PDB file of N, CA and C in Angstrom:
ATOM      1  N   MET A   1     -63.316  77.085 119.770  1.00  0.00           N
ATOM      2  CA  MET A   1     -63.590  77.075 118.403  1.00  0.00           C
ATOM      3  C   MET A   1     -62.957  75.746 117.816  1.00  0.00           C
ATOM      4  N   ILE A   2     -63.694  75.044 117.000  1.00  0.00           N
ATOM      5  CA  ILE A   2     -63.293  73.810 116.351  1.00  0.00           C
ATOM      6  C   ILE A   2     -62.842  74.089 114.974  1.00  0.00           C
ATOM      7  N   PHE A   3     -61.608  73.440 114.712  1.00  0.00           N
ATOM      8  CA  PHE A   3     -60.995  73.638 113.359  1.00  0.00           C
ATOM      9  C   PHE A   3     -61.095  72.221 112.734  1.00  0.00           C
ATOM     10  N   ILE A   4     -61.491  72.214 111.465  1.00  0.00           N
ATOM     11  CA  ILE A   4     -61.494  70.951 110.691  1.00  0.00           C
ATOM     12  C   ILE A   4     -60.217  71.119 109.755  1.00  0.00           C
ATOM     13  N   ILE A   5     -59.288  70.357 110.048  1.00  0.00           N
ATOM     14  CA  ILE A   5     -57.945  70.418 109.285  1.00  0.00           C
ATOM     15  C   ILE A   5     -57.922  69.302 108.194  1.00  0.00           C
ATOM     16  N   ASN A   6     -57.679  69.646 106.998  1.00  0.00           N
ATOM     17  CA  ASN A   6     -57.527  68.564 105.952  1.00  0.00           C
ATOM     18  C   ASN A   6     -56.096  68.524 105.583  1.00  0.00           C
ATOM     19  N   VAL A   7     -55.684  67.292 105.385  1.00  0.00           N
ATOM     20  CA  VAL A   7     -54.285  67.055 105.059  1.00  0.00           C
ATOM     21  C   VAL A   7     -54.211  66.334 103.715  1.00  0.00           C
ATOM     22  N   GLU A   8     -53.194  66.857 102.855  1.00  0.00           N
ATOM     23  CA  GLU A   8     -53.080  66.298 101.569  1.00  0.00           C
ATOM     24  C   GLU A   8     -51.550  66.076 101.357  1.00  0.00           C
ATOM     25  N   GLU A   9     -51.329  64.996 100.517  1.00  0.00           N
ATOM     26  CA  GLU A   9     -49.886  64.713 100.127  1.00  0.00           C
ATOM     27  C   GLU A   9     -49.480  65.761  99.164  1.00  0.00           C
ATOM     28  N   LEU A  10     -48.341  66.308  99.304  1.00  0.00           N
ATOM     29  CA  LEU A  10     -47.807  67.364  98.428  1.00  0.00           C
ATOM     30  C   LEU A  10     -47.196  66.749  97.156  1.00  0.00           C
ATOM     31  N   ASN A  11     -47.336  67.443  96.063  1.00  0.00           N
ATOM     32  CA  ASN A  11     -46.715  67.038  94.848  1.00  0.00           C
ATOM     33  C   ASN A  11     -46.423  68.358  94.000  1.00  0.00           C
ATOM     34  N   PRO A  12     -45.739  68.293  92.948  1.00  0.00           N
ATOM     35  CA  PRO A  12     -45.391  69.518  92.196  1.00  0.00           C
ATOM     36  C   PRO A  12     -46.621  70.324  91.779  1.00  0.00           C
ATOM     37  N   SER A  13     -47.869  69.685  91.682  1.00  0.00           N
ATOM     38  CA  SER A  13     -49.017  70.432  91.310  1.00  0.00           C
ATOM     39  C   SER A  13     -49.696  71.226  92.419  1.00  0.00           C
ATOM     40  N   ASN A  14     -49.455  70.853  93.662  1.00  0.00           N
ATOM     41  CA  ASN A  14     -50.101  71.498  94.706  1.00  0.00           C
ATOM     42  C   ASN A  14     -49.260  72.260  95.774  1.00  0.00           C
ATOM     43  N   VAL A  15     -47.917  72.057  95.562  1.00  0.00           N
ATOM     44  CA  VAL A  15     -46.967  72.549  96.647  1.00  0.00           C
ATOM     45  C   VAL A  15     -46.895  74.035  96.685  1.00  0.00           C
ATOM     46  N   GLU A  16     -47.251  74.751  95.594  1.00  0.00           N
ATOM     47  CA  GLU A  16     -47.139  76.257  95.598  1.00  0.00           C
ATOM     48  C   GLU A  16     -47.925  76.865  96.730  1.00  0.00           C
ATOM     49  N   ALA A  17     -49.041  76.356  97.082  1.00  0.00           N
ATOM     50  CA  ALA A  17     -49.910  76.885  98.126  1.00  0.00           C
ATOM     51  C   ALA A  17     -49.258  76.783  99.504  1.00  0.00           C
ATOM     52  N   TYR A  18     -48.234  75.989  99.635  1.00  0.00           N
ATOM     53  CA  TYR A  18     -47.581  75.705 100.894  1.00  0.00           C
ATOM     54  C   TYR A  18     -46.135  76.284 100.951  1.00  0.00           C
ATOM     55  N   LYS A  19     -45.790  77.060  99.944  1.00  0.00           N
ATOM     56  CA  LYS A  19     -44.373  77.557  99.964  1.00  0.00           C
ATOM     57  C   LYS A  19     -44.037  78.385 101.262  1.00  0.00           C
ATOM     58  N   HIS A  20     -45.048  79.084 101.810  1.00  0.00           N
ATOM     59  CA  HIS A  20     -44.704  79.848 103.031  1.00  0.00           C
ATOM     60  C   HIS A  20     -44.507  78.917 104.247  1.00  0.00           C
ATOM     61  N   CYS A  21     -44.821  77.667 104.068  1.00  0.00           N
ATOM     62  CA  CYS A  21     -44.677  76.679 105.251  1.00  0.00           C
ATOM     63  C   CYS A  21     -43.442  75.770 105.100  1.00  0.00           C
ATOM     64  N   LEU A  22     -42.804  75.842 103.907  1.00  0.00           N
ATOM     65  CA  LEU A  22     -41.644  74.975 103.653  1.00  0.00           C
ATOM     66  C   LEU A  22     -40.326  75.667 103.649  1.00  0.00           C
ATOM     67  N   LYS A  23     -39.303  75.102 104.210  1.00  0.00           N
ATOM     68  CA  LYS A  23     -38.006  75.659 104.074  1.00  0.00           C
ATOM     69  C   LYS A  23     -37.290  75.061 102.902  1.00  0.00           C
ATOM     70  N   GLU A  24     -37.644  73.881 102.456  1.00  0.00           N
ATOM     71  CA  GLU A  24     -37.024  73.176 101.365  1.00  0.00           C
ATOM     72  C   GLU A  24     -37.703  73.333 100.089  1.00  0.00           C
ATOM     73  N   GLU A  25     -36.988  73.288  98.979  1.00  0.00           N
ATOM     74  CA  GLU A  25     -37.558  73.341  97.658  1.00  0.00           C
ATOM     75  C   GLU A  25     -38.121  71.958  97.413  1.00  0.00           C
ATOM     76  N   PHE A  26     -39.225  71.947  96.694  1.00  0.00           N
ATOM     77  CA  PHE A  26     -39.876  70.632  96.416  1.00  0.00           C
ATOM     78  C   PHE A  26     -39.392  70.276  94.962  1.00  0.00           C
ATOM     79  N   PRO A  27     -38.543  69.195  94.818  1.00  0.00           N
ATOM     80  CA  PRO A  27     -38.081  68.863  93.563  1.00  0.00           C
ATOM     81  C   PRO A  27     -39.166  68.284  92.695  1.00  0.00           C
ATOM     82  N   GLU A  28     -39.055  68.545  91.359  1.00  0.00           N
ATOM     83  CA  GLU A  28     -40.060  68.093  90.407  1.00  0.00           C
ATOM     84  C   GLU A  28     -40.102  66.508  90.260  1.00  0.00           C
ATOM     85  N   ASN A  29     -38.972  65.893  90.200  1.00  0.00           N
ATOM     86  CA  ASN A  29     -38.945  64.465  89.950  1.00  0.00           C
ATOM     87  C   ASN A  29     -38.190  63.667  90.971  1.00  0.00           C
ATOM     88  N   SER A  30     -38.461  63.872  92.226  1.00  0.00           N
ATOM     89  CA  SER A  30     -37.751  63.183  93.220  1.00  0.00           C
ATOM     90  C   SER A  30     -38.601  62.103  93.882  1.00  0.00           C
ATOM     91  N   GLN A  31     -38.175  60.899  93.840  1.00  0.00           N
ATOM     92  CA  GLN A  31     -38.895  59.767  94.342  1.00  0.00           C
ATOM     93  C   GLN A  31     -38.611  59.589  95.889  1.00  0.00           C
ATOM     94  N   ASP A  32     -37.659  60.289  96.391  1.00  0.00           N
ATOM     95  CA  ASP A  32     -37.269  60.155  97.848  1.00  0.00           C
ATOM     96  C   ASP A  32     -37.777  61.258  98.749  1.00  0.00           C
ATOM     97  N   ILE A  33     -38.766  61.947  98.254  1.00  0.00           N
ATOM     98  CA  ILE A  33     -39.447  62.948  99.031  1.00  0.00           C
ATOM     99  C   ILE A  33     -40.945  62.585  99.431  1.00  0.00           C
ATOM    100  N   ILE A  34     -41.160  62.781 100.742  1.00  0.00           N
ATOM    101  CA  ILE A  34     -42.577  62.649 101.207  1.00  0.00           C
ATOM    102  C   ILE A  34     -42.915  63.970 101.881  1.00  0.00           C
ATOM    103  N   ALA A  35     -44.067  64.550 101.513  1.00  0.00           N
ATOM    104  CA  ALA A  35     -44.447  65.840 102.119  1.00  0.00           C
ATOM    105  C   ALA A  35     -45.931  65.805 102.184  1.00  0.00           C
ATOM    106  N   PHE A  36     -46.490  66.530 103.267  1.00  0.00           N
ATOM    107  CA  PHE A  36     -47.858  66.743 103.469  1.00  0.00           C
ATOM    108  C   PHE A  36     -48.112  68.179 103.754  1.00  0.00           C
ATOM    109  N   GLY A  37     -49.351  68.607 103.428  1.00  0.00           N
ATOM    110  CA  GLY A  37     -49.758  69.974 103.796  1.00  0.00           C
ATOM    111  C   GLY A  37     -51.063  69.880 104.509  1.00  0.00           C
ATOM    112  N   ALA A  38     -51.284  70.912 105.332  1.00  0.00           N
ATOM    113  CA  ALA A  38     -52.541  70.920 106.135  1.00  0.00           C
ATOM    114  C   ALA A  38     -53.209  72.265 105.745  1.00  0.00           C
ATOM    115  N   ARG A  39     -54.568  72.107 105.587  1.00  0.00           N
ATOM    116  CA  ARG A  39     -55.415  73.305 105.156  1.00  0.00           C
ATOM    117  C   ARG A  39     -56.649  73.395 106.047  1.00  0.00           C
ATOM    118  N   LEU A  40     -56.970  74.672 106.303  1.00  0.00           N
ATOM    119  CA  LEU A  40     -58.236  74.895 106.857  1.00  0.00           C
ATOM    120  C   LEU A  40     -59.009  75.632 105.791  1.00  0.00           C
ATOM    121  N   ASN A  41     -60.029  75.078 105.208  1.00  0.00           N
ATOM    122  CA  ASN A  41     -60.681  75.505 104.122  1.00  0.00           C
ATOM    123  C   ASN A  41     -59.632  75.696 102.956  1.00  0.00           C
ATOM    124  N   LYS A  42     -59.370  76.913 102.514  1.00  0.00           N
ATOM    125  CA  LYS A  42     -58.364  77.162 101.438  1.00  0.00           C
ATOM    126  C   LYS A  42     -57.082  77.706 101.893  1.00  0.00           C
ATOM    127  N   LEU A  43     -57.006  77.880 103.203  1.00  0.00           N
ATOM    128  CA  LEU A  43     -55.800  78.449 103.845  1.00  0.00           C
ATOM    129  C   LEU A  43     -54.792  77.361 104.160  1.00  0.00           C
ATOM    130  N   ALA A  44     -53.718  77.402 103.587  1.00  0.00           N
ATOM    131  CA  ALA A  44     -52.521  76.433 103.916  1.00  0.00           C
ATOM    132  C   ALA A  44     -51.978  76.848 105.270  1.00  0.00           C
ATOM    133  N   CYS A  45     -52.019  75.955 106.198  1.00  0.00           N
ATOM    134  CA  CYS A  45     -51.713  76.397 107.593  1.00  0.00           C
ATOM    135  C   CYS A  45     -50.550  75.601 108.131  1.00  0.00           C
ATOM    136  N   GLY A  46     -49.890  74.668 107.318  1.00  0.00           N
ATOM    137  CA  GLY A  46     -48.806  73.888 107.824  1.00  0.00           C
ATOM    138  C   GLY A  46     -48.379  72.915 106.774  1.00  0.00           C
ATOM    139  N   ALA A  47     -47.120  72.481 106.961  1.00  0.00           N
ATOM    140  CA  ALA A  47     -46.529  71.433 106.072  1.00  0.00           C
ATOM    141  C   ALA A  47     -45.395  70.692 106.762  1.00  0.00           C
ATOM    142  N   ILE A  48     -45.216  69.482 106.323  1.00  0.00           N
ATOM    143  CA  ILE A  48     -44.111  68.641 106.795  1.00  0.00           C
ATOM    144  C   ILE A  48     -43.461  68.054 105.610  1.00  0.00           C
ATOM    145  N   PHE A  49     -42.087  68.103 105.537  1.00  0.00           N
ATOM    146  CA  PHE A  49     -41.307  67.691 104.335  1.00  0.00           C
ATOM    147  C   PHE A  49     -40.236  66.747 104.809  1.00  0.00           C
ATOM    148  N   THR A  50     -40.152  65.592 104.232  1.00  0.00           N
ATOM    149  CA  THR A  50     -39.105  64.538 104.587  1.00  0.00           C
ATOM    150  C   THR A  50     -38.397  64.071 103.354  1.00  0.00           C
ATOM    151  N   GLN A  51     -37.229  63.528 103.667  1.00  0.00           N
ATOM    152  CA  GLN A  51     -36.456  62.911 102.587  1.00  0.00           C
ATOM    153  C   GLN A  51     -36.152  61.470 102.988  1.00  0.00           C
ATOM    154  N   ILE A  52     -36.368  60.543 102.128  1.00  0.00           N
ATOM    155  CA  ILE A  52     -36.083  59.151 102.410  1.00  0.00           C
ATOM    156  C   ILE A  52     -34.590  58.891 102.232  1.00  0.00           C
ATOM    157  N   LYS A  53     -33.998  58.204 103.219  1.00  0.00           N
ATOM    158  CA  LYS A  53     -32.579  57.824 103.206  1.00  0.00           C
ATOM    159  C   LYS A  53     -32.445  56.370 103.221  1.00  0.00           C
ATOM    160  N   GLY A  54     -32.273  55.665 102.193  1.00  0.00           N
ATOM    161  CA  GLY A  54     -32.058  54.255 102.216  1.00  0.00           C
ATOM    162  C   GLY A  54     -33.470  53.635 102.225  1.00  0.00           C
ATOM    163  N   SER A  55     -33.520  52.331 102.603  1.00  0.00           N
ATOM    164  CA  SER A  55     -34.753  51.655 102.598  1.00  0.00           C
ATOM    165  C   SER A  55     -35.596  51.686 103.926  1.00  0.00           C
ATOM    166  N   GLU A  56     -34.951  52.133 105.005  1.00  0.00           N
ATOM    167  CA  GLU A  56     -35.608  52.070 106.300  1.00  0.00           C
ATOM    168  C   GLU A  56     -35.444  53.375 107.146  1.00  0.00           C
ATOM    169  N   GLU A  57     -35.032  54.465 106.525  1.00  0.00           N
ATOM    170  CA  GLU A  57     -34.825  55.757 107.258  1.00  0.00           C
ATOM    171  C   GLU A  57     -35.324  56.980 106.430  1.00  0.00           C
ATOM    172  N   CYS A  58     -35.822  57.943 107.233  1.00  0.00           N
ATOM    173  CA  CYS A  58     -36.141  59.212 106.629  1.00  0.00           C
ATOM    174  C   CYS A  58     -35.765  60.318 107.529  1.00  0.00           C
ATOM    175  N   CYS A  59     -35.669  61.496 106.995  1.00  0.00           N
ATOM    176  CA  CYS A  59     -35.243  62.658 107.798  1.00  0.00           C
ATOM    177  C   CYS A  59     -36.193  63.732 107.562  1.00  0.00           C
ATOM    178  N   ILE A  60     -36.765  64.198 108.649  1.00  0.00           N
ATOM    179  CA  ILE A  60     -37.727  65.421 108.564  1.00  0.00           C
ATOM    180  C   ILE A  60     -36.815  66.658 108.322  1.00  0.00           C
ATOM    181  N   LYS A  61     -37.034  67.416 107.301  1.00  0.00           N
ATOM    182  CA  LYS A  61     -36.243  68.482 106.864  1.00  0.00           C
ATOM    183  C   LYS A  61     -36.930  69.808 107.208  1.00  0.00           C
ATOM    184  N   SER A  62     -38.244  69.797 107.223  1.00  0.00           N
ATOM    185  CA  SER A  62     -39.080  70.993 107.462  1.00  0.00           C
ATOM    186  C   SER A  62     -40.400  70.628 108.079  1.00  0.00           C
ATOM    187  N   PHE A  63     -40.806  71.242 109.140  1.00  0.00           N
ATOM    188  CA  PHE A  63     -42.050  70.924 109.843  1.00  0.00           C
ATOM    189  C   PHE A  63     -42.494  72.300 110.415  1.00  0.00           C
ATOM    190  N   PHE A  64     -43.571  72.835 109.758  1.00  0.00           N
ATOM    191  CA  PHE A  64     -43.977  74.130 110.267  1.00  0.00           C
ATOM    192  C   PHE A  64     -45.560  74.239 110.280  1.00  0.00           C
ATOM    193  N   VAL A  65     -46.055  74.885 111.276  1.00  0.00           N
ATOM    194  CA  VAL A  65     -47.490  75.285 111.361  1.00  0.00           C
ATOM    195  C   VAL A  65     -47.574  76.644 111.778  1.00  0.00           C
ATOM    196  N   LEU A  66     -48.431  77.395 111.015  1.00  0.00           N
ATOM    197  CA  LEU A  66     -48.708  78.758 111.369  1.00  0.00           C
ATOM    198  C   LEU A  66     -49.096  78.968 112.837  1.00  0.00           C
ATOM    199  N   PRO A  67     -48.565  79.976 113.479  1.00  0.00           N
ATOM    200  CA  PRO A  67     -48.913  80.142 114.949  1.00  0.00           C
ATOM    201  C   PRO A  67     -50.332  80.060 115.352  1.00  0.00           C
ATOM    202  N   LEU A  68     -51.252  80.595 114.538  1.00  0.00           N
ATOM    203  CA  LEU A  68     -52.696  80.543 114.803  1.00  0.00           C
ATOM    204  C   LEU A  68     -53.195  79.124 114.963  1.00  0.00           C
ATOM    205  N   PHE A  69     -52.566  78.123 114.294  1.00  0.00           N
ATOM    206  CA  PHE A  69     -53.024  76.824 114.130  1.00  0.00           C
ATOM    207  C   PHE A  69     -52.231  75.867 115.088  1.00  0.00           C
ATOM    208  N   ARG A  70     -51.246  76.411 115.800  1.00  0.00           N
ATOM    209  CA  ARG A  70     -50.545  75.510 116.762  1.00  0.00           C
ATOM    210  C   ARG A  70     -51.451  75.223 117.944  1.00  0.00           C
ATOM    211  N   ARG A  71     -51.350  73.945 118.415  1.00  0.00           N
ATOM    212  CA  ARG A  71     -52.209  73.476 119.505  1.00  0.00           C
ATOM    213  C   ARG A  71     -53.600  73.360 119.244  1.00  0.00           C
ATOM    214  N   ARG A  72     -53.890  73.214 117.885  1.00  0.00           N
ATOM    215  CA  ARG A  72     -55.238  73.067 117.394  1.00  0.00           C
ATOM    216  C   ARG A  72     -55.371  71.796 116.431  1.00  0.00           C
ATOM    217  N   GLY A  73     -54.386  71.046 116.505  1.00  0.00           N
ATOM    218  CA  GLY A  73     -54.458  69.735 115.705  1.00  0.00           C
ATOM    219  C   GLY A  73     -53.763  69.729 114.317  1.00  0.00           C
ATOM    220  N   ALA A  74     -53.336  70.853 113.806  1.00  0.00           N
ATOM    221  CA  ALA A  74     -52.702  70.837 112.473  1.00  0.00           C
ATOM    222  C   ALA A  74     -51.338  69.980 112.500  1.00  0.00           C
ATOM    223  N   GLY A  75     -50.520  70.247 113.434  1.00  0.00           N
ATOM    224  CA  GLY A  75     -49.224  69.521 113.537  1.00  0.00           C
ATOM    225  C   GLY A  75     -49.469  68.049 113.766  1.00  0.00           C
ATOM    226  N   THR A  76     -50.411  67.631 114.645  1.00  0.00           N
ATOM    227  CA  THR A  76     -50.696  66.293 114.829  1.00  0.00           C
ATOM    228  C   THR A  76     -51.234  65.632 113.621  1.00  0.00           C
ATOM    229  N   ALA A  77     -52.140  66.299 112.880  1.00  0.00           N
ATOM    230  CA  ALA A  77     -52.728  65.771 111.596  1.00  0.00           C
ATOM    231  C   ALA A  77     -51.515  65.515 110.571  1.00  0.00           C
ATOM    232  N   LEU A  78     -50.609  66.498 110.450  1.00  0.00           N
ATOM    233  CA  LEU A  78     -49.554  66.265 109.529  1.00  0.00           C
ATOM    234  C   LEU A  78     -48.659  65.123 109.965  1.00  0.00           C
ATOM    235  N   PHE A  79     -48.290  65.109 111.288  1.00  0.00           N
ATOM    236  CA  PHE A  79     -47.436  64.049 111.788  1.00  0.00           C
ATOM    237  C   PHE A  79     -48.045  62.617 111.573  1.00  0.00           C
ATOM    238  N   ASN A  80     -49.367  62.589 111.880  1.00  0.00           N
ATOM    239  CA  ASN A  80     -49.976  61.284 111.715  1.00  0.00           C
ATOM    240  C   ASN A  80     -50.111  60.786 110.261  1.00  0.00           C
ATOM    241  N   ALA A  81     -50.298  61.769 109.301  1.00  0.00           N
ATOM    242  CA  ALA A  81     -50.369  61.417 107.907  1.00  0.00           C
ATOM    243  C   ALA A  81     -48.920  60.897 107.434  1.00  0.00           C
ATOM    244  N   LEU A  82     -47.937  61.587 107.921  1.00  0.00           N
ATOM    245  CA  LEU A  82     -46.532  61.177 107.577  1.00  0.00           C
ATOM    246  C   LEU A  82     -46.284  59.737 108.171  1.00  0.00           C
ATOM    247  N   ASN A  83     -46.623  59.595 109.453  1.00  0.00           N
ATOM    248  CA  ASN A  83     -46.409  58.336 110.164  1.00  0.00           C
ATOM    249  C   ASN A  83     -47.042  57.123 109.401  1.00  0.00           C
ATOM    250  N   GLU A  84     -48.320  57.346 108.991  1.00  0.00           N
ATOM    251  CA  GLU A  84     -49.033  56.283 108.233  1.00  0.00           C
ATOM    252  C   GLU A  84     -48.225  55.982 106.922  1.00  0.00           C
ATOM    253  N   LYS A  85     -47.832  56.985 106.244  1.00  0.00           N
ATOM    254  CA  LYS A  85     -47.076  56.775 104.937  1.00  0.00           C
ATOM    255  C   LYS A  85     -45.887  56.030 105.198  1.00  0.00           C
ATOM    256  N   LEU A  86     -45.101  56.387 106.297  1.00  0.00           N
ATOM    257  CA  LEU A  86     -43.850  55.772 106.532  1.00  0.00           C
ATOM    258  C   LEU A  86     -44.043  54.302 106.948  1.00  0.00           C
ATOM    259  N   LYS A  87     -45.109  54.010 107.611  1.00  0.00           N
ATOM    260  CA  LYS A  87     -45.385  52.625 107.964  1.00  0.00           C
ATOM    261  C   LYS A  87     -45.679  51.833 106.750  1.00  0.00           C
ATOM    262  N   GLN A  88     -46.475  52.375 105.738  1.00  0.00           N
ATOM    263  CA  GLN A  88     -46.703  51.723 104.471  1.00  0.00           C
ATOM    264  C   GLN A  88     -45.394  51.372 103.687  1.00  0.00           C
ATOM    265  N   LEU A  89     -44.453  52.251 103.836  1.00  0.00           N
ATOM    266  CA  LEU A  89     -43.175  52.153 103.113  1.00  0.00           C
ATOM    267  C   LEU A  89     -42.145  51.276 103.815  1.00  0.00           C
ATOM    268  N   GLY A  90     -42.441  50.912 105.036  1.00  0.00           N
ATOM    269  CA  GLY A  90     -41.523  50.142 105.887  1.00  0.00           C
ATOM    270  C   GLY A  90     -40.418  50.960 106.518  1.00  0.00           C
ATOM    271  N   ILE A  91     -40.551  52.270 106.607  1.00  0.00           N
ATOM    272  CA  ILE A  91     -39.520  53.119 107.317  1.00  0.00           C
ATOM    273  C   ILE A  91     -39.646  52.922 108.685  1.00  0.00           C
ATOM    274  N   LYS A  92     -38.441  52.635 109.304  1.00  0.00           N
ATOM    275  CA  LYS A  92     -38.384  52.281 110.837  1.00  0.00           C
ATOM    276  C   LYS A  92     -37.744  53.430 111.613  1.00  0.00           C
ATOM    277  N   LYS A  93     -36.868  54.200 110.991  1.00  0.00           N
ATOM    278  CA  LYS A  93     -36.133  55.256 111.679  1.00  0.00           C
ATOM    279  C   LYS A  93     -36.481  56.663 111.089  1.00  0.00           C
ATOM    280  N   VAL A  94     -36.774  57.560 111.992  1.00  0.00           N
ATOM    281  CA  VAL A  94     -37.086  58.930 111.614  1.00  0.00           C
ATOM    282  C   VAL A  94     -36.139  59.899 112.377  1.00  0.00           C
ATOM    283  N   THR A  95     -35.447  60.705 111.675  1.00  0.00           N
ATOM    284  CA  THR A  95     -34.619  61.711 112.328  1.00  0.00           C
ATOM    285  C   THR A  95     -35.194  63.151 111.839  1.00  0.00           C
ATOM    286  N   VAL A  96     -34.649  64.145 112.582  1.00  0.00           N
ATOM    287  CA  VAL A  96     -35.036  65.467 112.296  1.00  0.00           C
ATOM    288  C   VAL A  96     -33.706  66.284 112.075  1.00  0.00           C
ATOM    289  N   GLN A  97     -33.656  66.990 110.922  1.00  0.00           N
ATOM    290  CA  GLN A  97     -32.514  67.792 110.661  1.00  0.00           C
ATOM    291  C   GLN A  97     -33.100  69.068 110.007  1.00  0.00           C
ATOM    292  N   ALA A  98     -33.372  70.113 110.882  1.00  0.00           N
ATOM    293  CA  ALA A  98     -33.998  71.243 110.364  1.00  0.00           C
ATOM    294  C   ALA A  98     -33.251  72.521 110.835  1.00  0.00           C
ATOM    295  N   ILE A  99     -33.342  73.563 110.040  1.00  0.00           N
ATOM    296  CA  ILE A  99     -32.724  74.933 110.353  1.00  0.00           C
ATOM    297  C   ILE A  99     -33.948  75.696 110.833  1.00  0.00           C
ATOM    298  N   THR A 100     -33.838  76.177 112.095  1.00  0.00           N
ATOM    299  CA  THR A 100     -34.979  76.975 112.605  1.00  0.00           C
ATOM    300  C   THR A 100     -34.510  77.904 113.749  1.00  0.00           C
ATOM    301  N   SER A 101     -35.316  78.692 114.310  1.00  0.00           N
ATOM    302  CA  SER A 101     -35.061  79.517 115.407  1.00  0.00           C
ATOM    303  C   SER A 101     -35.044  78.737 116.700  1.00  0.00           C
ATOM    304  N   LYS A 102     -34.512  79.347 117.718  1.00  0.00           N
ATOM    305  CA  LYS A 102     -34.477  78.701 119.087  1.00  0.00           C
ATOM    306  C   LYS A 102     -35.910  78.518 119.515  1.00  0.00           C
ATOM    307  N   GLU A 103     -36.745  79.438 119.341  1.00  0.00           N
ATOM    308  CA  GLU A 103     -38.195  79.359 119.789  1.00  0.00           C
ATOM    309  C   GLU A 103     -38.855  78.226 119.073  1.00  0.00           C
ATOM    310  N   ASN A 104     -38.649  78.130 117.733  1.00  0.00           N
ATOM    311  CA  ASN A 104     -39.262  76.980 117.019  1.00  0.00           C
ATOM    312  C   ASN A 104     -38.705  75.636 117.361  1.00  0.00           C
ATOM    313  N   ILE A 105     -37.425  75.525 117.648  1.00  0.00           N
ATOM    314  CA  ILE A 105     -36.810  74.266 118.006  1.00  0.00           C
ATOM    315  C   ILE A 105     -37.366  73.782 119.330  1.00  0.00           C
ATOM    316  N   ASP A 106     -37.614  74.676 120.280  1.00  0.00           N
ATOM    317  CA  ASP A 106     -38.240  74.346 121.511  1.00  0.00           C
ATOM    318  C   ASP A 106     -39.644  73.843 121.294  1.00  0.00           C
ATOM    319  N   LEU A 107     -40.419  74.497 120.438  1.00  0.00           N
ATOM    320  CA  LEU A 107     -41.755  73.963 120.163  1.00  0.00           C
ATOM    321  C   LEU A 107     -41.720  72.591 119.471  1.00  0.00           C
ATOM    322  N   LEU A 108     -40.804  72.380 118.531  1.00  0.00           N
ATOM    323  CA  LEU A 108     -40.750  71.175 117.780  1.00  0.00           C
ATOM    324  C   LEU A 108     -40.231  70.056 118.785  1.00  0.00           C
ATOM    325  N   ASN A 109     -39.264  70.406 119.648  1.00  0.00           N
ATOM    326  CA  ASN A 109     -38.830  69.436 120.634  1.00  0.00           C
ATOM    327  C   ASN A 109     -39.905  68.913 121.523  1.00  0.00           C
ATOM    328  N   ARG A 110     -40.660  69.839 122.017  1.00  0.00           N
ATOM    329  CA  ARG A 110     -41.828  69.445 122.954  1.00  0.00           C
ATOM    330  C   ARG A 110     -42.799  68.560 122.176  1.00  0.00           C
ATOM    331  N   PHE A 111     -43.144  68.913 120.945  1.00  0.00           N
ATOM    332  CA  PHE A 111     -44.056  68.213 120.097  1.00  0.00           C
ATOM    333  C   PHE A 111     -43.540  66.771 119.858  1.00  0.00           C
ATOM    334  N   LEU A 112     -42.361  66.660 119.470  1.00  0.00           N
ATOM    335  CA  LEU A 112     -41.866  65.382 119.132  1.00  0.00           C
ATOM    336  C   LEU A 112     -41.550  64.485 120.325  1.00  0.00           C
ATOM    337  N   THR A 113     -41.104  64.940 121.458  1.00  0.00           N
ATOM    338  CA  THR A 113     -40.814  64.131 122.627  1.00  0.00           C
ATOM    339  C   THR A 113     -42.177  63.610 123.077  1.00  0.00           C
ATOM    340  N   LYS A 114     -43.318  64.307 122.948  1.00  0.00           N
ATOM    341  CA  LYS A 114     -44.594  63.736 123.348  1.00  0.00           C
ATOM    342  C   LYS A 114     -44.954  62.561 122.482  1.00  0.00           C
ATOM    343  N   ARG A 115     -44.267  62.429 121.306  1.00  0.00           N
ATOM    344  CA  ARG A 115     -44.618  61.280 120.378  1.00  0.00           C
ATOM    345  C   ARG A 115     -43.449  60.252 120.363  1.00  0.00           C
ATOM    346  N   GLY A 116     -42.666  60.270 121.379  1.00  0.00           N
ATOM    347  CA  GLY A 116     -41.628  59.251 121.514  1.00  0.00           C
ATOM    348  C   GLY A 116     -40.238  59.505 120.965  1.00  0.00           C
ATOM    349  N   PHE A 117     -40.042  60.680 120.406  1.00  0.00           N
ATOM    350  CA  PHE A 117     -38.691  61.010 119.934  1.00  0.00           C
ATOM    351  C   PHE A 117     -37.804  61.406 121.107  1.00  0.00           C
ATOM    352  N   SER A 118     -36.466  61.213 121.000  1.00  0.00           N
ATOM    353  CA  SER A 118     -35.530  61.669 122.030  1.00  0.00           C
ATOM    354  C   SER A 118     -35.377  63.196 121.923  1.00  0.00           C
ATOM    355  N   GLU A 119     -34.765  63.790 122.990  1.00  0.00           N
ATOM    356  CA  GLU A 119     -34.586  65.173 123.030  1.00  0.00           C
ATOM    357  C   GLU A 119     -33.742  65.639 121.798  1.00  0.00           C
ATOM    358  N   ALA A 120     -34.100  66.801 121.387  1.00  0.00           N
ATOM    359  CA  ALA A 120     -33.274  67.375 120.212  1.00  0.00           C
ATOM    360  C   ALA A 120     -31.911  67.799 120.648  1.00  0.00           C
ATOM    361  N   LYS A 121     -30.991  67.645 119.796  1.00  0.00           N
ATOM    362  CA  LYS A 121     -29.607  68.173 119.983  1.00  0.00           C
ATOM    363  C   LYS A 121     -29.410  69.322 118.968  1.00  0.00           C
ATOM    364  N   LEU A 122     -28.926  70.432 119.555  1.00  0.00           N
ATOM    365  CA  LEU A 122     -28.748  71.539 118.689  1.00  0.00           C
ATOM    366  C   LEU A 122     -27.261  71.476 118.048  1.00  0.00           C
ATOM    367  N   LEU A 123     -27.244  71.592 116.783  1.00  0.00           N
ATOM    368  CA  LEU A 123     -25.996  71.637 116.075  1.00  0.00           C
ATOM    369  C   LEU A 123     -25.739  73.028 115.571  1.00  0.00           C
ATOM    370  N   THR A 124     -24.559  73.558 115.766  1.00  0.00           N
ATOM    371  CA  THR A 124     -24.299  74.967 115.220  1.00  0.00           C
ATOM    372  C   THR A 124     -23.367  75.008 114.094  1.00  0.00           C
TER     373      THR A 124
END
């Protein structure tokens, strides 16, 4: 089955549809937030939420894709959209600081190491 995933940059007017995919609250007036959501038709199936730290670094705070859409391109589409935006902004360093389950950290770790990130370190 082929899925056509659409990605949109999140803002206060469209973030409500992605609440089930985000661990972080989306601030109304924050210039240091970059977030994207993925949809299949009208179904919000994933989101990525980052916070800019200084002029050259950002931190991924939340990255989630509904289980049905994992390994079907939603995560890659979100990550690619974020990566393009970060290049435009001159961001050179990306870190991940997320609260998640052991199962999800393993999934995230595999996803990110395939894209050049170092192995995740668990902090308790």
